[in-house]
Amino acid sequence: MTPLEIILTILVIVAIIVAIYFFFRGAKGKISLTRPVESRVDEYLDRRFESMVTEWALVRTPAVNRFKEQHEPMLGQNEAKISELQGFEKEINSSLSRMEERLDDLEKELSKT
């Protein structure tokens, strides 16, 4: 390779790395690799939704406060249920892992005899 080709290759690699860095920079949520642009937009809207509604005056403040009063307890209960289900999922996954290990051990013992 000539020095010019080496320099161009390095520049292309650096450009790709910089593009990837700026794409994922500041990401707080999960960015899906199967749909990176949509997940990035979703994340942005999630972070900025309240300020956008306020800034654009899409909903009057009393209506928002009424909605929060009506639905906030239900949302809190749902979040508690979600965390409970996530704990249950972890327990089930650990039980399943232990059972798979025991099954592997049994298969090894059976193959020895």
N, C-alpha and C. Protein backbone atom coordinates (compact mmCIF):
# COMPACT_ATOMS: atom_id res chain seq x y z
N MET A 1 0.84 -1.18 0.00
CA MET A 1 0.00 0.00 0.00
C MET A 1 0.89 1.25 0.00
N THR A 2 0.42 2.21 -0.72
CA THR A 2 1.15 3.46 -0.75
C THR A 2 0.82 4.29 0.49
N PRO A 3 1.66 5.23 0.81
CA PRO A 3 1.37 6.08 1.99
C PRO A 3 0.04 6.82 1.88
N LEU A 4 -0.35 7.20 0.67
CA LEU A 4 -1.62 7.89 0.49
C LEU A 4 -2.79 6.97 0.83
N GLU A 5 -2.72 5.72 0.40
CA GLU A 5 -3.79 4.76 0.72
C GLU A 5 -3.87 4.51 2.22
N ILE A 6 -2.73 4.43 2.89
CA ILE A 6 -2.70 4.21 4.34
C ILE A 6 -3.35 5.39 5.05
N ILE A 7 -3.01 6.61 4.63
CA ILE A 7 -3.58 7.81 5.25
C ILE A 7 -5.09 7.86 5.01
N LEU A 8 -5.53 7.55 3.81
CA LEU A 8 -6.97 7.56 3.51
C LEU A 8 -7.70 6.50 4.33
N THR A 9 -7.11 5.32 4.49
CA THR A 9 -7.72 4.27 5.29
C THR A 9 -7.85 4.71 6.74
N ILE A 10 -6.81 5.31 7.27
CA ILE A 10 -6.84 5.79 8.65
C ILE A 10 -7.91 6.88 8.80
N LEU A 11 -8.00 7.79 7.84
CA LEU A 11 -9.00 8.86 7.90
C LEU A 11 -10.42 8.29 7.86
N VAL A 12 -10.64 7.28 7.03
CA VAL A 12 -11.97 6.65 6.96
C VAL A 12 -12.31 5.99 8.30
N ILE A 13 -11.36 5.29 8.87
CA ILE A 13 -11.59 4.62 10.16
C ILE A 13 -11.88 5.65 11.25
N VAL A 14 -11.11 6.72 11.27
CA VAL A 14 -11.33 7.77 12.27
C VAL A 14 -12.70 8.42 12.07
N ALA A 15 -13.09 8.65 10.83
CA ALA A 15 -14.39 9.25 10.55
C ALA A 15 -15.52 8.34 11.04
N ILE A 16 -15.39 7.05 10.84
CA ILE A 16 -16.40 6.09 11.30
C ILE A 16 -16.47 6.09 12.82
N ILE A 17 -15.32 6.08 13.47
CA ILE A 17 -15.30 6.09 14.95
C ILE A 17 -15.93 7.37 15.49
N VAL A 18 -15.60 8.51 14.89
CA VAL A 18 -16.18 9.78 15.34
C VAL A 18 -17.70 9.77 15.13
N ALA A 19 -18.15 9.26 13.99
CA ALA A 19 -19.60 9.21 13.73
C ALA A 19 -20.30 8.33 14.76
N ILE A 20 -19.72 7.19 15.07
CA ILE A 20 -20.32 6.29 16.06
C ILE A 20 -20.31 6.96 17.44
N TYR A 21 -19.23 7.62 17.78
CA TYR A 21 -19.15 8.30 19.08
C TYR A 21 -20.24 9.36 19.22
N PHE A 22 -20.40 10.21 18.20
CA PHE A 22 -21.40 11.27 18.31
C PHE A 22 -22.81 10.72 18.23
N PHE A 23 -22.98 9.57 17.58
CA PHE A 23 -24.32 8.97 17.52
C PHE A 23 -24.74 8.47 18.89
N PHE A 24 -23.82 7.82 19.62
CA PHE A 24 -24.15 7.24 20.91
C PHE A 24 -23.85 8.17 22.08
N ARG A 25 -23.29 9.33 21.85
CA ARG A 25 -22.94 10.25 22.92
C ARG A 25 -24.19 10.76 23.62
N GLY A 26 -24.15 10.75 24.92
CA GLY A 26 -25.28 11.26 25.69
C GLY A 26 -26.45 10.32 25.79
N ALA A 27 -26.28 9.10 25.32
CA ALA A 27 -27.38 8.15 25.38
C ALA A 27 -27.56 7.67 26.81
N LYS A 28 -28.78 7.81 27.33
CA LYS A 28 -29.07 7.36 28.68
C LYS A 28 -29.83 6.04 28.66
N GLY A 29 -30.66 5.87 27.67
CA GLY A 29 -31.47 4.66 27.60
C GLY A 29 -30.81 3.60 26.75
N LYS A 30 -31.58 2.62 26.42
CA LYS A 30 -31.06 1.55 25.58
C LYS A 30 -31.27 1.92 24.12
N ILE A 31 -30.21 1.80 23.36
CA ILE A 31 -30.30 2.07 21.94
C ILE A 31 -30.27 0.73 21.22
N SER A 32 -31.31 0.49 20.48
CA SER A 32 -31.43 -0.77 19.77
C SER A 32 -30.53 -0.77 18.54
N LEU A 33 -29.77 -1.83 18.38
CA LEU A 33 -28.90 -1.91 17.21
C LEU A 33 -29.68 -2.26 15.95
N THR A 34 -30.87 -2.85 16.12
CA THR A 34 -31.67 -3.19 14.95
C THR A 34 -32.39 -1.97 14.39
N ARG A 35 -32.67 -0.99 15.24
CA ARG A 35 -33.31 0.25 14.80
C ARG A 35 -32.72 1.42 15.57
N PRO A 36 -31.46 1.78 15.25
CA PRO A 36 -30.77 2.79 16.05
C PRO A 36 -31.36 4.18 15.95
N VAL A 37 -31.82 4.59 14.79
CA VAL A 37 -32.33 5.95 14.63
C VAL A 37 -33.65 6.11 15.39
N GLU A 38 -34.54 5.14 15.22
CA GLU A 38 -35.84 5.23 15.90
C GLU A 38 -35.68 5.20 17.41
N SER A 39 -34.78 4.34 17.91
CA SER A 39 -34.60 4.26 19.36
C SER A 39 -33.96 5.54 19.90
N ARG A 40 -33.09 6.16 19.12
CA ARG A 40 -32.49 7.42 19.54
C ARG A 40 -33.54 8.53 19.59
N VAL A 41 -34.42 8.57 18.60
CA VAL A 41 -35.51 9.56 18.59
C VAL A 41 -36.45 9.32 19.76
N ASP A 42 -36.79 8.06 20.02
CA ASP A 42 -37.65 7.72 21.15
C ASP A 42 -37.02 8.18 22.46
N GLU A 43 -35.74 7.95 22.61
CA GLU A 43 -35.04 8.37 23.82
C GLU A 43 -35.09 9.89 23.97
N TYR A 44 -34.85 10.60 22.89
CA TYR A 44 -34.88 12.06 22.93
C TYR A 44 -36.27 12.56 23.33
N LEU A 45 -37.30 12.00 22.72
CA LEU A 45 -38.66 12.42 23.05
C LEU A 45 -39.02 12.09 24.49
N ASP A 46 -38.57 10.95 24.98
CA ASP A 46 -38.82 10.60 26.39
C ASP A 46 -38.21 11.62 27.33
N ARG A 47 -37.00 12.05 27.03
CA ARG A 47 -36.31 13.01 27.90
C ARG A 47 -36.92 14.41 27.82
N ARG A 48 -37.38 14.80 26.65
CA ARG A 48 -37.80 16.19 26.43
C ARG A 48 -39.31 16.37 26.35
N PHE A 49 -40.10 15.33 26.58
CA PHE A 49 -41.53 15.41 26.34
C PHE A 49 -42.21 16.50 27.18
N GLU A 50 -41.95 16.50 28.48
CA GLU A 50 -42.61 17.48 29.34
C GLU A 50 -42.27 18.91 28.94
N SER A 51 -41.00 19.16 28.70
CA SER A 51 -40.60 20.53 28.33
C SER A 51 -41.17 20.92 26.97
N MET A 52 -41.30 19.97 26.05
CA MET A 52 -41.89 20.29 24.74
C MET A 52 -43.36 20.63 24.88
N VAL A 53 -44.09 19.88 25.71
CA VAL A 53 -45.51 20.17 25.91
C VAL A 53 -45.67 21.55 26.53
N THR A 54 -44.84 21.85 27.52
CA THR A 54 -44.92 23.15 28.18
C THR A 54 -44.53 24.27 27.22
N GLU A 55 -43.44 24.06 26.50
CA GLU A 55 -42.93 25.10 25.59
C GLU A 55 -43.92 25.40 24.47
N TRP A 56 -44.52 24.37 23.93
CA TRP A 56 -45.43 24.57 22.81
C TRP A 56 -46.86 24.84 23.26
N ALA A 57 -47.09 24.79 24.57
CA ALA A 57 -48.42 25.03 25.14
C ALA A 57 -49.46 24.12 24.51
N LEU A 58 -49.15 22.86 24.42
CA LEU A 58 -50.07 21.90 23.81
C LEU A 58 -51.24 21.58 24.74
N VAL A 59 -50.98 21.57 26.03
CA VAL A 59 -52.02 21.26 27.00
C VAL A 59 -51.94 22.31 28.10
N ARG A 60 -53.09 22.74 28.55
CA ARG A 60 -53.08 23.71 29.64
C ARG A 60 -52.67 23.03 30.93
N THR A 61 -52.03 23.79 31.82
CA THR A 61 -51.50 23.26 33.07
C THR A 61 -52.56 22.61 33.95
N PRO A 62 -53.77 23.18 34.09
CA PRO A 62 -54.77 22.51 34.92
C PRO A 62 -55.14 21.13 34.40
N ALA A 63 -55.19 20.97 33.09
CA ALA A 63 -55.51 19.67 32.53
C ALA A 63 -54.41 18.66 32.83
N VAL A 64 -53.16 19.11 32.76
CA VAL A 64 -52.05 18.23 33.08
C VAL A 64 -52.08 17.83 34.55
N ASN A 65 -52.33 18.81 35.42
CA ASN A 65 -52.39 18.52 36.85
C ASN A 65 -53.53 17.55 37.17
N ARG A 66 -54.69 17.74 36.52
CA ARG A 66 -55.81 16.83 36.72
C ARG A 66 -55.46 15.42 36.28
N PHE A 67 -54.80 15.32 35.12
CA PHE A 67 -54.39 14.01 34.61
C PHE A 67 -53.42 13.33 35.58
N LYS A 68 -52.45 14.10 36.09
CA LYS A 68 -51.48 13.54 37.03
C LYS A 68 -52.17 13.06 38.29
N GLU A 69 -53.11 13.85 38.82
CA GLU A 69 -53.83 13.45 40.03
C GLU A 69 -54.61 12.16 39.83
N GLN A 70 -55.22 12.01 38.65
CA GLN A 70 -56.04 10.84 38.39
C GLN A 70 -55.20 9.59 38.12
N HIS A 71 -54.08 9.74 37.42
CA HIS A 71 -53.37 8.56 36.93
C HIS A 71 -52.06 8.26 37.65
N GLU A 72 -51.56 9.17 38.44
CA GLU A 72 -50.27 8.94 39.10
C GLU A 72 -50.30 7.75 40.07
N PRO A 73 -51.35 7.58 40.88
CA PRO A 73 -51.36 6.39 41.76
C PRO A 73 -51.34 5.08 40.97
N MET A 74 -52.10 5.05 39.88
CA MET A 74 -52.14 3.85 39.06
C MET A 74 -50.77 3.59 38.43
N LEU A 75 -50.10 4.63 37.97
CA LEU A 75 -48.77 4.47 37.38
C LEU A 75 -47.77 3.98 38.43
N GLY A 76 -47.88 4.50 39.65
CA GLY A 76 -47.00 4.03 40.72
C GLY A 76 -47.22 2.55 41.02
N GLN A 77 -48.49 2.13 41.03
CA GLN A 77 -48.78 0.71 41.25
C GLN A 77 -48.22 -0.14 40.13
N ASN A 78 -48.37 0.34 38.90
CA ASN A 78 -47.84 -0.41 37.76
C ASN A 78 -46.32 -0.52 37.82
N GLU A 79 -45.67 0.55 38.23
CA GLU A 79 -44.21 0.50 38.36
C GLU A 79 -43.79 -0.48 39.44
N ALA A 80 -44.55 -0.53 40.53
CA ALA A 80 -44.26 -1.50 41.58
C ALA A 80 -44.45 -2.93 41.07
N LYS A 81 -45.50 -3.15 40.29
CA LYS A 81 -45.74 -4.48 39.72
C LYS A 81 -44.61 -4.86 38.76
N ILE A 82 -44.17 -3.88 37.98
CA ILE A 82 -43.08 -4.15 37.02
C ILE A 82 -41.81 -4.54 37.76
N SER A 83 -41.48 -3.81 38.81
CA SER A 83 -40.26 -4.16 39.56
C SER A 83 -40.40 -5.53 40.22
N GLU A 84 -41.60 -5.84 40.69
CA GLU A 84 -41.85 -7.16 41.27
C GLU A 84 -41.68 -8.25 40.22
N LEU A 85 -42.22 -8.02 39.03
CA LEU A 85 -42.08 -8.99 37.95
C LEU A 85 -40.63 -9.14 37.50
N GLN A 86 -39.87 -8.07 37.52
CA GLN A 86 -38.46 -8.16 37.15
C GLN A 86 -37.70 -9.00 38.17
N GLY A 87 -38.03 -8.83 39.46
CA GLY A 87 -37.42 -9.67 40.49
C GLY A 87 -37.78 -11.13 40.28
N PHE A 88 -39.04 -11.39 39.97
CA PHE A 88 -39.49 -12.76 39.70
C PHE A 88 -38.76 -13.34 38.50
N GLU A 89 -38.58 -12.52 37.48
CA GLU A 89 -37.87 -12.98 36.28
C GLU A 89 -36.43 -13.38 36.62
N LYS A 90 -35.76 -12.58 37.46
CA LYS A 90 -34.39 -12.91 37.86
C LYS A 90 -34.36 -14.23 38.63
N GLU A 91 -35.32 -14.43 39.53
CA GLU A 91 -35.38 -15.68 40.30
C GLU A 91 -35.59 -16.87 39.38
N ILE A 92 -36.51 -16.73 38.44
CA ILE A 92 -36.80 -17.82 37.51
C ILE A 92 -35.58 -18.12 36.65
N ASN A 93 -34.90 -17.08 36.18
CA ASN A 93 -33.70 -17.29 35.36
C ASN A 93 -32.60 -18.00 36.14
N SER A 94 -32.42 -17.62 37.41
CA SER A 94 -31.40 -18.29 38.21
C SER A 94 -31.79 -19.74 38.48
N SER A 95 -33.08 -19.99 38.75
CA SER A 95 -33.55 -21.38 38.95
C SER A 95 -33.36 -22.19 37.69
N LEU A 96 -33.67 -21.60 36.57
CA LEU A 96 -33.51 -22.29 35.29
C LEU A 96 -32.04 -22.61 35.02
N SER A 97 -31.16 -21.68 35.34
CA SER A 97 -29.73 -21.91 35.15
C SER A 97 -29.25 -23.06 36.03
N ARG A 98 -29.70 -23.07 37.29
CA ARG A 98 -29.32 -24.17 38.20
C ARG A 98 -29.85 -25.50 37.70
N MET A 99 -31.07 -25.51 37.20
CA MET A 99 -31.65 -26.75 36.68
C MET A 99 -30.89 -27.24 35.46
N GLU A 100 -30.49 -26.31 34.58
CA GLU A 100 -29.72 -26.70 33.40
C GLU A 100 -28.37 -27.28 33.80
N GLU A 101 -27.73 -26.69 34.82
CA GLU A 101 -26.46 -27.22 35.30
C GLU A 101 -26.64 -28.62 35.86
N ARG A 102 -27.69 -28.82 36.62
CA ARG A 102 -27.96 -30.15 37.17
C ARG A 102 -28.24 -31.15 36.05
N LEU A 103 -28.97 -30.72 35.03
CA LEU A 103 -29.25 -31.60 33.90
C LEU A 103 -27.96 -31.96 33.17
N ASP A 104 -27.08 -30.99 32.98
CA ASP A 104 -25.79 -31.26 32.34
C ASP A 104 -24.98 -32.27 33.16
N ASP A 105 -24.99 -32.11 34.50
CA ASP A 105 -24.28 -33.04 35.36
C ASP A 105 -24.86 -34.45 35.24
N LEU A 106 -26.18 -34.54 35.21
CA LEU A 106 -26.82 -35.85 35.08
C LEU A 106 -26.49 -36.49 33.73
N GLU A 107 -26.48 -35.69 32.68
CA GLU A 107 -26.14 -36.21 31.36
C GLU A 107 -24.70 -36.71 31.33
N LYS A 108 -23.80 -36.01 32.00
CA LYS A 108 -22.40 -36.43 32.05
C LYS A 108 -22.27 -37.75 32.81
N GLU A 109 -23.02 -37.87 33.94
CA GLU A 109 -22.98 -39.11 34.71
C GLU A 109 -23.54 -40.27 33.89
N LEU A 110 -24.61 -40.03 33.14
CA LEU A 110 -25.19 -41.10 32.34
C LEU A 110 -24.27 -41.51 31.18
N SER A 111 -23.55 -40.54 30.64
CA SER A 111 -22.66 -40.88 29.53
C SER A 111 -21.44 -41.66 30.00
N LYS A 112 -21.07 -41.53 31.29
CA LYS A 112 -19.93 -42.27 31.84
C LYS A 112 -20.26 -43.75 32.01
N THR A 113 -21.52 -44.05 32.29
CA THR A 113 -21.88 -45.45 32.53
C THR A 113 -22.24 -46.20 31.31
